[in-house]
Amino acid sequence: MPELIAPTIRLHASWLEAHREWGPGLHEDGFGLLPSDEVESPEGFAAWVARLAADSDPAHADQWCCTYRWIVEGDRVHGAIALRHGADDFVLWAGHIGYGIRPSSRRRGLARWALGGMLEEARTQGLDQVLLVCEVDNIASAMTIEHHGGVLGSIQDTEIGPVRRYWITL
């Protein structure tokens, strides 16, 4: 049974396995990984997990606040999902919720399940609607968003290519 859990140093080896599966030059949506994050060493990984915990702290909501959850079963990291709070320029570009599932864990309904859980989290935090963005050719993500009531607001050209912008009313 999958779970949404807060990032933890306990899953360092499993997270690295998932990270390597994405391959070089690709990104993992929902993990909050920055180019400056060093995640290979236990110390670097612990510092990154600590940053994610600080970013998730509502006490810092006047700055950047983002709730990070990993999608896990047992000790296997399948992916991640993030709920970005507020309406700053980054949220309006990337969306309130971003998620990613490692390639070997796709086509199991994990993204659909995780999005449902994060939408419930958004409700409990008082959000009335959320923006989700996916690349135009990411049909699986579009279907996941539409399953949860996502309404296509627009298709826009961006520096990463054309994206679909969906709104979900909570």
Protein backbone atom coordinates (compact mmCIF):
# COMPACT_ATOMS: atom_id res chain seq x y z
CA MET A 1 0.00 0.00 0.00
CA PRO A 2 1.54 3.35 -0.98
CA GLU A 3 1.99 6.19 1.47
CA LEU A 4 2.69 9.91 1.22
CA ILE A 5 5.45 10.69 3.71
CA ALA A 6 7.62 13.67 4.54
CA PRO A 7 11.14 13.41 3.08
CA THR A 8 13.45 11.39 5.31
CA ILE A 9 17.15 10.58 5.41
CA ARG A 10 16.18 6.96 6.16
CA LEU A 11 15.43 6.44 2.45
CA HIS A 12 18.70 7.83 1.09
CA ALA A 13 19.69 4.65 -0.81
CA SER A 14 16.21 4.18 -2.26
CA TRP A 15 15.97 7.83 -3.25
CA LEU A 16 19.34 7.64 -5.02
CA GLU A 17 18.13 4.55 -6.90
CA ALA A 18 15.04 6.46 -8.09
CA HIS A 19 17.16 9.52 -8.94
CA ARG A 20 19.51 7.46 -11.10
CA GLU A 21 16.58 5.84 -12.88
CA TRP A 22 15.52 9.24 -14.25
CA GLY A 23 18.91 9.52 -15.90
CA PRO A 24 21.24 12.46 -16.49
CA GLY A 25 19.83 15.74 -17.70
CA LEU A 26 16.27 14.97 -16.58
CA HIS A 27 14.41 16.37 -13.61
CA GLU A 28 12.13 14.84 -11.03
CA ASP A 29 9.07 17.00 -10.44
CA GLY A 30 7.89 17.16 -6.87
CA PHE A 31 11.24 16.56 -5.16
CA GLY A 32 12.34 20.21 -4.85
CA LEU A 33 15.81 19.31 -6.05
CA LEU A 34 17.96 22.29 -7.05
CA PRO A 35 21.14 22.18 -9.16
CA SER A 36 23.07 23.30 -6.08
CA ASP A 37 21.84 20.36 -3.95
CA GLU A 38 24.47 17.68 -3.31
CA VAL A 39 22.55 14.48 -2.57
CA GLU A 40 25.11 11.70 -3.07
CA SER A 41 26.81 11.94 0.33
CA PRO A 42 24.88 11.27 3.55
CA GLU A 43 25.73 14.78 4.76
CA GLY A 44 24.58 16.48 1.56
CA PHE A 45 21.41 14.40 1.47
CA ALA A 46 20.66 15.27 5.11
CA ALA A 47 21.16 18.98 4.37
CA TRP A 48 18.79 18.75 1.39
CA VAL A 49 16.12 16.91 3.45
CA ALA A 50 16.51 19.57 6.17
CA ARG A 51 15.94 22.32 3.58
CA LEU A 52 12.78 20.57 2.36
CA ALA A 53 11.52 20.35 5.95
CA ALA A 54 12.22 24.07 6.48
CA ASP A 55 10.45 24.93 3.19
CA SER A 56 7.44 22.91 4.40
CA ASP A 57 7.17 24.77 7.72
CA PRO A 58 4.05 27.00 7.68
CA ALA A 59 5.84 29.33 10.10
CA HIS A 60 7.93 30.43 7.12
CA ALA A 61 4.87 31.04 4.92
CA ASP A 62 5.84 34.69 4.54
CA GLN A 63 8.77 33.43 2.48
CA TRP A 64 8.69 30.29 0.33
CA CYS A 65 6.42 27.53 1.61
CA CYS A 66 6.03 24.17 -0.09
CA THR A 67 4.75 20.89 1.35
CA TYR A 68 6.86 17.99 0.04
CA ARG A 69 5.72 14.38 0.16
CA TRP A 70 7.42 11.26 -1.15
CA ILE A 71 5.38 8.45 -2.65
CA VAL A 72 6.67 5.26 -1.05
CA GLU A 73 5.80 1.63 -0.49
CA GLY A 74 7.84 0.09 2.28
CA ASP A 75 11.37 1.32 1.63
CA ARG A 76 10.89 1.96 -2.11
CA VAL A 77 10.65 5.58 -3.29
CA HIS A 78 8.30 5.71 -6.29
CA GLY A 79 8.18 9.48 -6.73
CA ALA A 80 7.23 12.73 -5.09
CA ILE A 81 4.56 15.40 -5.03
CA ALA A 82 4.78 18.99 -3.84
CA LEU A 83 2.15 21.56 -2.87
CA ARG A 84 3.41 25.09 -3.42
CA HIS A 85 1.62 27.70 -1.35
CA GLY A 86 0.74 31.20 -2.44
CA ALA A 87 0.52 32.88 -5.81
CA ASP A 88 4.02 34.15 -6.49
CA ASP A 89 5.50 34.20 -9.98
CA PHE A 90 6.95 30.69 -9.68
CA VAL A 91 3.63 29.18 -8.55
CA LEU A 92 1.83 30.98 -11.37
CA TRP A 93 4.38 29.54 -13.84
CA ALA A 94 4.83 25.99 -12.47
CA GLY A 95 1.52 25.46 -10.67
CA HIS A 96 0.54 24.80 -7.08
CA ILE A 97 1.14 21.06 -7.38
CA GLY A 98 3.93 19.24 -9.16
CA TYR A 99 4.65 15.53 -9.14
CA GLY A 100 6.85 12.91 -10.71
CA ILE A 101 6.88 9.11 -10.75
CA ARG A 102 10.07 7.16 -11.49
CA PRO A 103 9.89 5.35 -14.84
CA SER A 104 9.69 1.80 -13.42
CA SER A 105 6.74 2.76 -11.18
CA ARG A 106 4.57 4.39 -13.84
CA ARG A 107 1.25 3.08 -15.14
CA ARG A 108 0.18 1.88 -11.68
CA GLY A 109 -2.06 4.81 -10.75
CA LEU A 110 0.40 6.22 -8.22
CA ALA A 111 0.26 9.78 -9.58
CA ARG A 112 -3.55 9.72 -9.57
CA TRP A 113 -3.57 8.41 -6.00
CA ALA A 114 -0.94 10.91 -4.79
CA LEU A 115 -2.68 13.85 -6.45
CA GLY A 116 -5.90 12.95 -4.65
CA GLY A 117 -4.04 12.98 -1.34
CA MET A 118 -2.35 16.30 -2.06
CA LEU A 119 -5.63 17.90 -3.16
CA GLU A 120 -7.05 16.93 0.23
CA GLU A 121 -4.00 18.55 1.87
CA ALA A 122 -4.64 21.71 -0.18
CA ARG A 123 -8.25 21.75 1.04
CA THR A 124 -7.19 21.45 4.67
CA GLN A 125 -4.79 24.35 4.16
CA GLY A 126 -7.65 26.53 2.95
CA LEU A 127 -6.96 26.69 -0.79
CA ASP A 128 -10.05 27.20 -2.95
CA GLN A 129 -8.45 26.20 -6.24
CA VAL A 130 -5.10 25.01 -7.49
CA LEU A 131 -3.18 25.35 -10.73
CA LEU A 132 -1.48 22.32 -12.28
CA VAL A 133 0.80 22.53 -15.30
CA CYS A 134 2.03 19.73 -17.55
CA GLU A 135 3.80 19.54 -20.89
CA VAL A 136 1.38 19.35 -23.82
CA ASP A 137 2.57 15.90 -24.85
CA ASN A 138 2.38 14.42 -21.32
CA ILE A 139 -0.96 12.71 -21.89
CA ALA A 140 -0.68 10.57 -18.74
CA SER A 141 -0.34 13.67 -16.56
CA ALA A 142 -3.17 15.45 -18.38
CA MET A 143 -5.43 12.43 -17.78
CA THR A 144 -4.42 12.32 -14.10
CA ILE A 145 -5.30 16.00 -13.66
CA GLU A 146 -8.57 15.68 -15.58
CA HIS A 147 -9.53 12.65 -13.45
CA HIS A 148 -9.48 14.98 -10.43
CA GLY A 149 -11.64 17.62 -12.10
CA GLY A 150 -8.93 19.65 -13.79
CA VAL A 151 -10.33 22.16 -16.28
CA LEU A 152 -8.00 23.23 -19.07
CA GLY A 153 -7.56 26.97 -18.77
CA SER A 154 -5.02 27.47 -21.55
CA ILE A 155 -2.10 26.13 -23.49
CA GLN A 156 0.93 28.41 -23.32
CA ASP A 157 4.36 28.46 -24.89
CA THR A 158 7.12 28.56 -22.30
CA GLU A 159 10.89 28.20 -22.25
CA ILE A 160 10.41 24.43 -21.74
CA GLY A 161 7.91 24.20 -24.61
CA PRO A 162 4.12 24.31 -24.76
CA VAL A 163 2.30 23.47 -21.52
CA ARG A 164 -1.28 22.80 -20.50
CA ARG A 165 -2.53 24.88 -17.58
CA TYR A 166 -5.33 23.29 -15.57
CA TRP A 167 -7.38 24.61 -12.67
CA ILE A 168 -8.98 22.36 -10.06
CA THR A 169 -11.63 23.87 -7.81
CA LEU A 170 -11.52 22.40 -4.31
